[in-house]
Amino acid sequence: MYELKTKETNNSVIEFIENVEGPKKREDAYRLLEIFTETTGYEAKMWGPSIIGFGTYHYKYASGHEGDAPLVGFSPRKAKISLYFAPGEEKREELLKDLGKHTSGKACVYINKVADIDVDVLKALINQSIAFLQETYPTS
């Protein structure tokens, strides 16, 4: 049976941020913590060793694979900051056009620093992602 690697933990978000390398990256992590907390209304939780997640949803695919994941989140990684939003949502691509300097993958959006992006667009991405996931995977 497949075992999820990224699970919610009881590790301290603040302790994790305090151990982020570099004062600028740490400062950005605190700024993102503030933005995500304020925008989502959810308490930040650690998911796995390095993802700060907000809210949770339960997904189940046609393949039978299922699990829990944060609605949105971020991780201040060494090279870039990863922002986690719902993958495969058309509105996400429209919003990303106005985000600012970034690159993106299937589920992640990568930024160098918060100063490179439009915080209002970030908030719109957070809200859009949560709405999409709650509609796609409603709680029973």
Protein backbone atom coordinates (compact mmCIF):
# COMPACT_ATOMS: atom_id res chain seq x y z
CA MET A 1 0.00 0.00 0.00
CA TYR A 2 1.26 3.48 -0.88
CA GLU A 3 2.33 5.50 2.15
CA LEU A 4 2.07 9.28 1.98
CA LYS A 5 5.39 10.97 2.65
CA THR A 6 3.99 14.42 3.35
CA LYS A 7 1.78 14.26 6.42
CA GLU A 8 0.77 16.87 8.93
CA THR A 9 3.12 16.89 11.92
CA ASN A 10 3.16 18.53 15.33
CA ASN A 11 6.50 20.21 14.60
CA SER A 12 6.73 23.93 15.32
CA VAL A 13 6.30 26.25 12.33
CA ILE A 14 8.22 29.03 14.12
CA GLU A 15 11.06 26.68 15.01
CA PHE A 16 11.24 25.57 11.37
CA ILE A 17 11.34 29.18 10.12
CA GLU A 18 14.00 30.08 12.69
CA ASN A 19 16.20 27.37 11.16
CA VAL A 20 15.79 28.62 7.58
CA GLU A 21 19.19 29.59 6.14
CA GLY A 22 19.75 33.28 5.50
CA PRO A 23 18.09 36.27 7.16
CA LYS A 24 16.33 37.43 3.96
CA LYS A 25 14.82 33.98 3.32
CA ARG A 26 13.74 33.82 6.97
CA GLU A 27 12.19 37.29 6.71
CA ASP A 28 10.28 36.21 3.57
CA ALA A 29 9.10 33.06 5.36
CA TYR A 30 7.63 35.16 8.19
CA ARG A 31 6.01 37.50 5.65
CA LEU A 32 4.45 34.54 3.81
CA LEU A 33 3.32 33.06 7.13
CA GLU A 34 1.53 36.33 7.84
CA ILE A 35 -0.04 36.54 4.34
CA PHE A 36 -1.21 32.91 4.24
CA THR A 37 -2.55 32.98 7.82
CA GLU A 38 -4.41 36.26 7.28
CA THR A 39 -5.80 35.20 3.89
CA THR A 40 -6.85 31.64 4.78
CA GLY A 41 -7.94 32.08 8.38
CA TYR A 42 -6.25 28.73 9.08
CA GLU A 43 -3.49 28.04 11.57
CA ALA A 44 -0.16 27.13 9.99
CA LYS A 45 0.88 23.50 10.38
CA MET A 46 4.02 21.67 9.33
CA TRP A 47 3.54 19.03 6.64
CA GLY A 48 6.49 16.72 6.43
CA PRO A 49 9.82 18.26 7.33
CA SER A 50 9.63 21.44 5.24
CA ILE A 51 6.14 22.46 4.05
CA ILE A 52 4.06 25.00 5.95
CA GLY A 53 0.44 24.20 5.14
CA PHE A 54 -2.90 25.86 5.78
CA GLY A 55 -6.18 24.02 6.07
CA THR A 56 -6.62 20.47 4.89
CA TYR A 57 -8.65 18.46 2.42
CA HIS A 58 -9.13 14.78 1.72
CA TYR A 59 -8.73 13.65 -1.87
CA LYS A 60 -9.59 10.36 -3.53
CA TYR A 61 -8.60 9.58 -7.10
CA ALA A 62 -10.30 7.18 -9.51
CA SER A 63 -7.24 4.92 -9.06
CA GLY A 64 -8.24 4.47 -5.42
CA HIS A 65 -5.28 6.51 -4.15
CA GLU A 66 -6.40 8.84 -1.38
CA GLY A 67 -4.96 11.01 1.33
CA ASP A 68 -4.93 14.35 3.07
CA ALA A 69 -3.08 17.46 1.97
CA PRO A 70 -2.95 21.14 2.89
CA LEU A 71 -5.26 23.42 0.91
CA VAL A 72 -2.35 25.79 0.26
CA GLY A 73 1.14 26.21 1.61
CA PHE A 74 4.72 27.25 1.06
CA SER A 75 8.25 26.11 1.74
CA PRO A 76 11.28 28.41 2.01
CA ARG A 77 13.71 26.06 0.29
CA LYS A 78 17.41 26.74 -0.22
CA ALA A 79 17.24 27.71 -3.90
CA LYS A 80 13.74 29.19 -4.19
CA ILE A 81 10.55 29.55 -2.20
CA SER A 82 7.90 27.01 -3.25
CA LEU A 83 4.26 28.08 -3.14
CA TYR A 84 1.68 25.28 -3.21
CA PHE A 85 -1.69 25.79 -4.88
CA ALA A 86 -4.27 23.48 -6.44
CA PRO A 87 -2.88 21.97 -9.65
CA GLY A 88 -4.89 21.84 -12.85
CA GLU A 89 -7.08 24.86 -12.18
CA GLU A 90 -7.55 27.17 -15.18
CA LYS A 91 -7.98 30.37 -13.13
CA ARG A 92 -4.58 29.74 -11.56
CA GLU A 93 -2.87 30.21 -14.92
CA GLU A 94 -4.68 33.52 -15.49
CA LEU A 95 -3.67 34.82 -12.06
CA LEU A 96 -0.06 33.71 -12.50
CA LYS A 97 0.28 36.08 -15.47
CA ASP A 98 0.02 38.99 -13.00
CA LEU A 99 1.95 37.47 -10.08
CA GLY A 100 5.37 38.83 -11.00
CA LYS A 101 8.71 37.07 -11.33
CA HIS A 102 8.16 33.31 -10.89
CA THR A 103 8.40 29.90 -12.51
CA SER A 104 5.86 27.16 -12.13
CA GLY A 105 5.48 23.41 -12.20
CA LYS A 106 2.42 21.19 -11.94
CA ALA A 107 1.57 22.01 -8.32
CA CYS A 108 4.28 24.47 -7.32
CA VAL A 109 5.01 28.07 -8.09
CA TYR A 110 8.60 29.10 -7.40
CA ILE A 111 9.71 32.59 -6.39
CA ASN A 112 13.07 34.00 -5.34
CA LYS A 113 11.66 36.50 -2.85
CA VAL A 114 8.36 38.10 -1.81
CA ALA A 115 9.51 41.47 -3.20
CA ASP A 116 9.39 39.93 -6.72
CA ILE A 117 5.64 39.30 -6.61
CA ASP A 118 2.34 41.15 -6.27
CA VAL A 119 1.01 40.24 -2.81
CA ASP A 120 -2.61 40.98 -3.85
CA VAL A 121 -2.29 38.46 -6.69
CA LEU A 122 -0.79 35.97 -4.21
CA LYS A 123 -3.84 36.43 -1.97
CA ALA A 124 -6.13 35.90 -4.97
CA LEU A 125 -4.24 32.68 -5.82
CA ILE A 126 -4.62 31.46 -2.24
CA ASN A 127 -8.37 32.16 -2.19
CA GLN A 128 -8.95 30.69 -5.66
CA SER A 129 -7.04 27.52 -4.78
CA ILE A 130 -8.97 26.97 -1.55
CA ALA A 131 -12.33 27.55 -3.28
CA PHE A 132 -11.39 25.13 -6.08
CA LEU A 133 -10.24 22.37 -3.71
CA GLN A 134 -13.25 22.73 -1.40
CA GLU A 135 -15.56 22.50 -4.40
CA THR A 136 -13.65 19.58 -5.93
CA TYR A 137 -13.25 17.65 -2.67
CA PRO A 138 -16.19 18.66 -0.46
CA THR A 139 -16.13 17.48 3.14
CA SER A 140 -18.85 15.00 3.97
